[in-house]
Protein backbone atom coordinates (compact mmCIF):
# COMPACT_ATOMS: atom_id res chain seq x y z
CA ILE A 1 184.25 79.73 300.21
CA SER A 2 185.49 77.13 302.68
CA GLY A 3 186.12 79.36 305.71
CA SER A 4 189.39 80.54 307.17
CA SER A 5 191.99 79.04 309.41
CA PRO A 6 192.08 80.38 313.00
CA GLU A 7 195.15 82.55 312.38
CA PHE A 8 193.68 84.71 309.58
CA SER A 9 190.67 86.99 309.72
CA GLY A 10 190.77 87.84 305.99
CA ILE A 11 189.13 85.22 303.78
CA GLU A 12 190.40 84.82 300.24
CA LEU A 13 187.40 84.45 297.95
CA PHE A 14 187.27 82.01 295.05
CA VAL A 15 184.53 81.68 292.45
CA ASN A 16 183.21 78.42 291.09
CA ARG A 17 181.44 77.66 287.80
CA LEU A 18 178.36 79.65 286.85
CA ASP A 19 175.15 78.30 285.36
CA SER A 20 171.41 78.89 285.59
CA VAL A 21 168.22 76.98 286.39
CA GLU A 22 167.44 76.85 282.67
CA SER A 23 170.74 75.30 281.61
CA VAL A 24 173.04 72.60 282.96
CA LEU A 25 175.90 74.01 280.85
CA PRO A 26 178.36 75.63 283.29
CA TYR A 27 180.77 78.38 282.29
CA GLU A 28 183.90 79.66 283.98
CA TYR A 29 183.85 82.97 285.85
CA THR A 30 186.45 84.33 283.41
CA ALA A 31 184.10 83.70 280.44
CA PHE A 32 182.00 86.67 281.61
CA ASP A 33 182.82 90.38 281.77
CA PHE A 34 183.66 90.41 285.50
CA CYS A 35 186.68 91.85 287.34
CA GLN A 36 189.60 89.47 286.88
CA ALA A 37 192.21 88.49 289.47
CA GLU A 38 195.49 89.49 287.87
CA GLY A 39 198.57 87.41 288.60
CA LYS A 40 196.81 84.91 290.87
CA LYS A 41 197.24 81.20 290.22
CA ARG A 42 194.24 78.92 289.79
CA PRO A 43 194.09 76.28 292.58
CA SER A 44 195.16 72.77 291.51
CA GLU A 45 192.25 70.43 290.68
CA ASN A 46 191.87 66.73 291.35
CA LEU A 47 190.41 64.16 288.91
CA GLY A 48 186.93 64.34 290.45
CA GLN A 49 186.75 68.13 290.02
CA VAL A 50 187.78 67.88 286.37
CA LEU A 51 185.24 65.10 285.65
CA PHE A 52 182.45 67.11 287.31
CA GLY A 53 183.54 70.40 285.73
CA GLU A 54 184.11 71.94 289.18
CA ARG A 55 186.58 74.64 288.07
CA ILE A 56 187.63 77.06 290.80
CA GLU A 57 188.92 80.49 289.75
CA PRO A 58 190.71 83.09 291.89
CA SER A 59 188.87 86.37 292.38
CA PRO A 60 190.20 89.86 293.16
CA TYR A 61 188.15 90.05 296.39
CA ARG A 62 188.81 89.31 300.06
CA GLU A 63 186.31 89.29 302.88
CA GLU A 64 187.26 90.50 306.33
CA LYS A 65 185.34 88.21 308.62
CA ASN A 66 186.25 86.31 311.74
CA ILE A 67 184.87 82.80 311.25
CA ARG A 68 185.87 80.03 313.64
CA TRP A 69 187.33 77.02 311.75
CA ALA A 70 184.96 74.55 313.43
CA SER A 71 181.90 76.64 312.41
CA ARG A 72 182.79 77.24 308.76
CA TRP A 73 179.98 74.96 307.42
CA ASP A 74 177.24 76.18 309.76
CA TYR A 75 175.66 78.54 307.24
CA ILE A 76 175.13 75.63 304.82
CA LEU A 77 173.83 73.22 307.45
CA GLU A 78 171.38 75.82 308.82
CA SER A 79 170.00 76.47 305.34
CA MET A 80 169.24 72.77 304.74
CA PRO A 81 166.88 71.49 307.47
CA HIS A 82 166.31 68.06 305.84
CA THR A 83 167.30 65.81 308.71
CA HIS A 84 163.70 65.07 309.79
CA ILE A 85 162.87 64.01 306.20
CA GLN A 86 165.92 61.74 306.24
CA TRP A 87 164.74 60.02 309.41
CA PHE A 88 161.30 59.58 307.84
CA SER A 89 163.03 58.04 304.80
CA ILE A 90 165.04 55.64 306.98
CA MET A 91 161.92 54.62 308.96
CA ASN A 92 160.00 54.06 305.72
CA SER A 93 162.85 51.85 304.42
CA LEU A 94 163.12 49.92 307.69
CA VAL A 95 159.37 49.13 307.64
CA ILE A 96 159.80 47.63 304.13
CA VAL A 97 162.85 45.64 305.31
CA LEU A 98 161.04 44.33 308.39
CA PHE A 99 158.04 43.28 306.27
CA LEU A 100 160.29 41.46 303.78
CA SER A 101 162.45 39.92 306.50
CA GLY A 102 159.28 38.59 308.17
CA MET A 103 158.13 37.04 304.89
CA VAL A 104 161.54 35.49 304.17
CA ALA A 105 161.90 34.22 307.74
CA MET A 106 158.43 32.64 307.53
CA ILE A 107 159.38 30.87 304.28
CA MET A 108 162.81 29.82 305.54
CA LEU A 109 161.79 28.63 308.98
CA ARG A 110 158.28 27.28 308.47
CA THR A 111 157.58 26.36 304.85
CA LEU A 112 161.11 25.30 303.85
CA HIS A 113 161.66 23.43 307.11
CA LYS A 114 158.42 21.48 306.55
CA ASP A 115 159.29 20.86 302.88
CA ILE A 116 162.78 19.55 303.69
CA ALA A 117 161.53 17.34 306.52
CA ARG A 118 158.78 15.91 304.26
CA TYR A 119 161.15 15.36 301.30
CA ASN A 120 163.76 13.63 303.46
CA GLN A 121 161.16 11.23 304.94
CA MET A 122 160.28 9.87 301.48
CA ASP A 123 162.13 6.55 301.48
CA SER A 124 159.74 4.32 299.56
CA THR A 125 159.69 4.38 295.75
CA GLU A 126 155.97 5.09 295.73
CA ASP A 127 156.51 8.29 297.69
CA ALA A 128 159.45 9.25 295.53
CA GLN A 129 157.22 9.25 292.46
CA GLU A 130 154.89 11.73 294.17
CA GLU A 131 157.45 14.49 294.51
CA PHE A 132 156.07 18.00 294.26
CA GLY A 133 157.08 21.63 294.64
CA TRP A 134 160.66 22.81 294.34
CA LYS A 135 162.25 19.39 294.84
CA LEU A 136 160.88 18.31 291.45
CA VAL A 137 163.31 20.55 289.58
CA HIS A 138 166.47 19.39 291.43
CA GLY A 139 167.85 17.87 288.20
CA ASP A 140 167.54 21.18 286.30
CA ILE A 141 168.14 23.86 288.93
CA PHE A 142 171.82 24.31 288.01
CA ARG A 143 171.32 23.96 284.27
CA PRO A 144 173.44 26.67 282.56
CA PRO A 145 171.34 29.70 281.54
CA ARG A 146 170.96 30.96 277.99
CA LYS A 147 173.46 33.75 277.18
CA GLY A 148 175.64 32.70 280.14
CA MET A 149 178.53 34.72 278.69
CA LEU A 150 176.60 38.01 278.99
CA LEU A 151 175.30 37.17 282.47
CA SER A 152 178.82 36.36 283.74
CA VAL A 153 180.15 39.65 282.26
CA PHE A 154 177.33 41.61 283.98
CA LEU A 155 178.10 39.83 287.28
CA GLY A 156 181.79 40.73 287.00
CA SER A 157 181.06 44.43 286.33
CA GLY A 158 178.35 44.44 289.01
CA THR A 159 180.77 43.05 291.62
CA GLN A 160 183.26 45.79 290.70
CA ILE A 161 180.58 48.48 291.17
CA LEU A 162 179.23 46.90 294.38
CA ILE A 163 182.65 46.87 296.14
CA MET A 164 183.47 50.35 294.79
CA THR A 165 180.18 51.80 296.12
CA PHE A 166 180.55 50.14 299.52
CA VAL A 167 184.15 51.34 300.08
CA THR A 168 183.45 54.89 298.76
CA LEU A 169 180.37 55.32 300.99
CA PHE A 170 182.18 53.81 303.97
CA PHE A 171 185.04 56.33 303.62
CA ALA A 172 182.53 59.16 303.07
CA CYS A 173 180.64 58.04 306.17
CA LEU A 174 183.85 58.20 308.26
CA GLY A 175 184.44 61.76 307.02
CA PHE A 176 187.43 61.12 304.73
CA LEU A 177 185.53 62.44 301.68
CA SER A 178 184.14 65.68 303.04
CA PRO A 179 182.11 68.01 300.76
CA ALA A 180 184.77 70.62 301.66
CA ASN A 181 187.25 68.64 299.57
CA ARG A 182 185.71 69.19 296.15
CA GLY A 183 185.82 66.22 293.79
CA ALA A 184 187.15 63.83 296.47
CA LEU A 185 184.15 61.48 296.20
CA MET A 186 184.41 61.21 292.41
CA THR A 187 188.20 60.75 292.52
CA CYS A 188 187.89 57.98 295.14
CA ALA A 189 185.18 56.18 293.10
CA VAL A 190 187.17 56.31 289.82
CA VAL A 191 190.43 55.13 291.44
CA LEU A 192 188.64 52.29 293.25
CA TRP A 193 186.88 51.22 290.06
CA VAL A 194 190.23 51.05 288.23
CA LEU A 195 191.86 49.02 291.03
CA LEU A 196 188.92 46.60 291.35
CA GLY A 197 189.45 45.01 287.93
CA THR A 198 190.72 41.80 289.59
CA PRO A 199 187.46 40.88 291.43
CA ALA A 200 185.50 41.68 288.23
CA GLY A 201 187.62 39.33 286.12
CA TYR A 202 187.61 36.63 288.82
CA VAL A 203 183.81 36.60 289.33
CA ALA A 204 183.06 36.71 285.58
CA ALA A 205 185.51 33.85 284.88
CA ARG A 206 184.31 31.73 287.82
CA PHE A 207 180.64 31.90 286.86
CA TYR A 208 181.31 31.56 283.13
CA LYS A 209 183.24 28.36 283.84
CA SER A 210 180.41 27.05 286.06
CA PHE A 211 177.95 27.79 283.20
CA GLY A 212 180.03 25.45 281.04
CA GLY A 213 181.61 28.19 278.92
CA GLU A 214 184.92 27.62 277.13
CA LYS A 215 185.54 30.91 275.27
CA TRP A 216 187.56 32.41 278.09
CA LYS A 217 189.32 35.03 275.94
CA THR A 218 185.99 36.50 274.78
CA ASN A 219 184.77 36.47 278.38
CA VAL A 220 187.79 38.44 279.67
CA LEU A 221 187.66 40.96 276.82
CA LEU A 222 183.91 41.56 277.30
CA THR A 223 184.37 41.96 281.08
CA SER A 224 187.14 44.51 280.46
CA PHE A 225 185.45 46.49 277.69
CA LEU A 226 181.65 45.99 277.41
CA CYS A 227 180.15 47.91 280.37
CA PRO A 228 183.07 50.36 280.82
CA GLY A 229 183.00 50.94 277.03
CA ILE A 230 179.29 51.84 277.05
CA VAL A 231 179.84 54.29 279.95
CA PHE A 232 182.90 55.85 278.28
CA ALA A 233 181.13 56.18 274.88
CA ASP A 234 178.16 57.95 276.55
CA PHE A 235 180.55 60.14 278.55
CA PHE A 236 182.55 61.01 275.42
CA ILE A 237 179.41 62.02 273.47
CA MET A 238 178.33 64.26 276.40
CA ASN A 239 181.81 65.76 276.42
CA LEU A 240 181.62 66.53 272.68
CA ILE A 241 178.38 68.46 273.32
CA LEU A 242 180.07 70.41 276.15
CA TRP A 243 183.05 71.15 273.88
CA GLY A 244 180.69 72.34 271.14
CA GLU A 245 178.91 74.67 273.57
CA GLY A 246 182.20 76.02 274.96
CA SER A 247 181.31 74.96 278.51
CA SER A 248 183.85 74.80 281.35
CA ALA A 249 182.57 71.33 282.25
CA ALA A 250 184.15 69.93 279.06
CA ILE A 251 187.01 67.62 280.02
CA PRO A 252 190.36 68.57 278.46
CA PHE A 253 191.80 66.17 275.90
CA GLY A 254 194.75 65.40 278.20
CA THR A 255 192.41 64.24 280.99
CA LEU A 256 190.50 61.98 278.57
CA VAL A 257 193.82 60.38 277.54
CA ALA A 258 194.70 59.96 281.24
CA ILE A 259 191.34 58.20 281.91
CA LEU A 260 191.92 55.89 278.93
CA ALA A 261 195.43 55.17 280.23
CA LEU A 262 194.01 54.25 283.67
CA TRP A 263 191.49 51.96 281.99
CA PHE A 264 193.79 50.25 279.47
CA CYS A 265 197.03 50.18 281.47
CA ILE A 266 195.73 49.37 284.98
CA SER A 267 192.10 48.17 284.96
CA VAL A 268 192.33 45.82 281.93
CA PRO A 269 195.55 44.01 283.08
CA LEU A 270 194.04 43.61 286.58
CA THR A 271 190.87 42.12 285.01
CA PHE A 272 193.04 39.64 283.09
CA ILE A 273 194.85 38.66 286.31
CA GLY A 274 191.50 38.09 288.09
CA ALA A 275 190.17 36.06 285.14
CA TYR A 276 193.36 33.93 285.08
CA PHE A 277 192.84 32.89 288.71
CA GLY A 278 189.08 32.44 288.14
CA PHE A 279 189.57 30.05 285.23
CA LYS A 280 192.42 28.23 286.98
CA LYS A 281 190.17 27.21 289.88
CA ASN A 282 187.81 24.24 289.53
CA ALA A 283 184.24 25.00 288.48
CA ILE A 284 181.80 25.76 291.33
CA GLU A 285 180.54 22.45 292.76
CA HIS A 286 176.76 22.20 292.87
CA PRO A 287 174.97 20.15 295.56
CA VAL A 288 172.85 18.26 292.96
CA ARG A 289 173.60 16.74 289.55
CA THR A 290 172.03 18.18 286.38
CA ASN A 291 169.95 15.79 284.24
CA GLN A 292 170.89 15.37 280.60
CA ILE A 293 167.34 15.97 279.31
CA PRO A 294 165.74 19.29 280.38
CA ARG A 295 162.47 19.00 282.28
CA GLN A 296 159.39 20.54 280.68
CA ILE A 297 158.12 23.58 282.56
CA PRO A 298 154.34 23.45 283.17
CA GLU A 299 151.98 26.24 282.12
CA GLN A 300 152.54 29.19 284.47
CA SER A 301 149.90 31.40 286.05
CA PHE A 302 150.02 35.16 285.38
CA TYR A 303 151.91 35.93 288.61
CA THR A 304 154.62 33.29 288.09
CA LYS A 305 155.36 34.32 284.51
CA PRO A 306 158.76 36.07 284.16
CA LEU A 307 157.66 39.64 283.30
CA PRO A 308 155.11 40.31 286.11
CA GLY A 309 157.56 38.90 288.70
CA ILE A 310 160.42 41.06 287.40
CA ILE A 311 158.25 44.21 287.40
CA MET A 312 156.96 43.50 290.94
CA GLY A 313 160.48 42.71 292.24
CA GLY A 314 161.84 46.21 291.62
CA ILE A 315 159.08 48.10 293.46
CA LEU A 316 160.15 47.38 297.07
CA PRO A 317 163.89 48.18 296.67
CA PHE A 318 162.95 51.42 294.88
CA GLY A 319 160.56 52.27 297.73
CA CYS A 320 163.58 52.20 300.08
CA ILE A 321 165.65 54.70 298.12
CA PHE A 322 163.33 57.16 296.36
CA ILE A 323 163.49 59.87 299.09
CA GLN A 324 167.29 59.65 299.20
CA LEU A 325 167.28 59.75 295.40
CA PHE A 326 165.54 63.14 295.49
CA PHE A 327 168.38 64.65 297.57
CA ILE A 328 171.07 63.09 295.36
CA LEU A 329 169.45 64.45 292.18
CA ASN A 330 169.11 67.83 293.90
CA SER A 331 172.82 67.86 294.71
CA ILE A 332 173.75 67.00 291.10
CA TRP A 333 171.32 69.20 289.15
CA SER A 334 170.21 71.91 291.61
CA HIS A 335 173.68 72.50 293.18
CA GLN A 336 172.60 71.79 296.73
CA MET A 337 175.32 70.62 299.10
CA TYR A 338 175.07 66.89 299.90
CA TYR A 339 176.69 65.98 303.20
CA MET A 340 174.48 63.24 304.73
CA PHE A 341 176.68 60.25 303.92
CA GLY A 342 175.75 58.49 307.16
CA PHE A 343 172.13 58.33 306.01
CA LEU A 344 173.22 57.31 302.51
CA PHE A 345 175.37 54.43 303.84
CA LEU A 346 172.44 53.20 305.93
CA VAL A 347 170.13 53.37 302.90
CA PHE A 348 172.77 51.47 300.87
CA ILE A 349 172.77 48.61 303.43
CA ILE A 350 168.94 48.61 303.48
CA LEU A 351 168.88 48.50 299.65
CA VAL A 352 171.22 45.46 299.60
CA ILE A 353 169.02 43.62 302.14
CA THR A 354 165.77 44.54 300.33
CA CYS A 355 167.05 43.49 296.88
CA SER A 356 168.24 40.17 298.34
CA GLU A 357 165.04 39.39 300.21
CA ALA A 358 162.62 40.43 297.43
CA THR A 359 164.52 38.30 294.89
CA ILE A 360 164.73 35.24 297.20
CA LEU A 361 160.99 35.50 297.89
CA LEU A 362 160.06 35.56 294.20
CA CYS A 363 162.63 32.85 293.40
CA TYR A 364 160.98 30.52 295.94
CA PHE A 365 157.52 31.07 294.41
CA HIS A 366 158.87 30.33 290.92
CA LEU A 367 160.63 27.16 292.06
CA CYS A 368 157.41 25.98 293.69
CA ALA A 369 155.73 26.55 290.31
CA GLU A 370 158.42 24.22 288.82
CA ASP A 371 160.14 26.99 286.84
CA TYR A 372 163.90 26.47 287.20
CA HIS A 373 165.13 29.40 285.05
CA TRP A 374 166.21 31.45 288.05
CA GLN A 375 169.59 32.90 286.95
CA TRP A 376 168.56 35.68 284.56
CA ARG A 377 165.30 36.23 286.42
CA SER A 378 167.05 36.87 289.75
CA PHE A 379 169.39 39.37 288.05
CA LEU A 380 166.58 41.19 286.24
CA THR A 381 164.16 41.16 289.22
CA SER A 382 166.34 43.34 291.44
CA GLY A 383 167.93 45.04 288.40
CA PHE A 384 164.47 46.32 287.41
CA THR A 385 164.84 48.84 290.27
CA ALA A 386 166.98 50.80 287.76
CA VAL A 387 163.94 51.14 285.44
CA TYR A 388 162.00 52.78 288.29
CA PHE A 389 165.07 55.00 288.87
CA LEU A 390 164.86 56.07 285.20
CA ILE A 391 161.10 56.78 285.44
CA TYR A 392 161.73 58.85 288.59
CA ALA A 393 164.56 60.77 286.86
CA ILE A 394 162.18 61.60 283.95
CA HIS A 395 159.53 62.75 286.46
CA TYR A 396 162.17 64.85 288.29
CA PHE A 397 163.23 66.48 284.99
CA PHE A 398 159.69 67.61 284.11
CA SER A 399 158.43 68.49 287.61
CA LYS A 400 161.46 69.94 289.44
CA LEU A 401 163.83 71.36 286.81
CA GLN A 402 163.31 74.31 284.46
CA ILE A 403 165.87 73.19 281.89
CA THR A 404 165.44 74.53 278.37
CA GLY A 405 167.54 73.93 275.26
CA THR A 406 168.40 70.76 273.38
CA ALA A 407 172.03 70.52 274.61
CA SER A 408 171.03 70.70 278.30
CA THR A 409 168.26 68.12 277.82
CA ILE A 410 170.60 65.69 276.03
CA LEU A 411 173.19 66.16 278.79
CA TYR A 412 170.65 65.48 281.55
CA PHE A 413 169.42 62.24 279.97
CA GLY A 414 172.92 61.21 278.83
CA TYR A 415 174.32 61.37 282.36
CA THR A 416 171.12 59.79 283.75
CA MET A 417 171.58 56.78 281.44
CA ILE A 418 175.11 56.25 282.84
CA MET A 419 173.68 56.27 286.39
CA VAL A 420 170.86 53.90 285.38
CA LEU A 421 173.29 51.38 283.80
CA ILE A 422 175.57 51.43 286.86
CA PHE A 423 172.55 51.02 289.17
CA PHE A 424 171.17 48.15 287.01
CA LEU A 425 174.45 46.18 287.21
CA PHE A 426 174.78 46.93 290.94
CA THR A 427 171.26 45.85 291.98
CA GLY A 428 171.12 42.91 289.53
CA THR A 429 174.33 41.45 290.95
CA ILE A 430 172.95 41.67 294.51
CA GLY A 431 169.81 39.77 293.41
CA PHE A 432 171.77 37.05 291.61
CA PHE A 433 174.18 36.39 294.49
CA ALA A 434 171.30 36.26 297.00
CA CYS A 435 169.43 33.71 294.86
CA PHE A 436 172.56 31.68 294.16
CA TRP A 437 173.18 31.38 297.90
CA PHE A 438 169.49 30.51 298.56
CA VAL A 439 169.26 27.84 295.83
CA THR A 440 172.59 26.24 296.80
CA LYS A 441 171.50 26.18 300.46
CA ILE A 442 168.07 24.58 300.01
CA TYR A 443 169.20 21.90 297.54
CA SER A 444 172.21 20.95 299.68
CA VAL A 445 169.97 19.88 302.60
CA VAL A 446 167.59 17.72 300.54
CA LYS A 447 168.27 14.03 299.97
CA VAL A 448 168.28 13.34 296.23
CA ASP A 449 168.51 9.82 294.76
């Protein structure tokens, strides 16, 4: 119940979906042998409520209680004393950020400054032959990566998710998407995702062109359909299971058609418009020329090999979010009210900074080891945070939930995989953009013959 307005003392009671700790399959109140509300209309539902299966039914009951409008959420807030844990989480995240910022600042200000000064003093040909460190790979640093098409598509989808997440959390933080307004958060996210097709197409096209790609039609089609298609296919399979089980969370056929219409009729054309402008612009100018013959990469030590670096890179960003992740999973699977969007927005900003700094740090070490394949590595380094997210979700399933039954288990992991994919694209894109900025910056201040 959401409280009463000041004029009325009688509260009209509504009932939401019913489920148990052993099953994530919700059922409507009317599916059970309870007293029914005759002649009462069901409240209208928004898109977010339908997608989440948040069906509200009228009930034949009223409660006579005088609740002040401003105090209507107090009983929920008093039952959830988590604020001190949230502050601990924020402090934990800030310590990680300060540590990383210190490391990056030390590299930027001391090591890089010394390197650049030393490189720029080399005027004689003898000195020029004794180049070392990251300047050695200046002729290969902007060499197009392998599978540039796929990377550009991931960057386009990641940009779409990044802007969508930022705007949704910002509105939630300002109080526009209150928990009182059921489904508002989900509706806002879906609408924003549909409208943000243009930046996705633009970013994918811009980077694909800079990677030397010419199959622009394939690029636009993949940006429009690859990642959204995977999410929709997963979502559709989950929905079939809900339909089969007769659950109220199953999305009606009409709503599925409406979602497809939003995707095909609004998102896809907007992606094409963004891609048109992206391909029309000149390719991104790099500060150094790329050599025709690729440089041989020397034998790498264990720590500068790709896999150990990628695995290490995801640990620190995950360390910033894992406490917040517990509350988010609780709100989804244990039906606890989530209202701390201010904390969540702060953690989002900290996550962006941590992903950027951890990836820049590892990128610098790899460049010093004369390994110039930074594009995919920067994306996968911060994107690996999603793998830790998946491991945590598996741990949460076995340690915190009491779910039984094949259908409920498939649903849990099906929806988790959607979250993991979205998180992978989101964090990977942050890492790539941070590294792209870093690499462009350091090679633009070095004199190259």
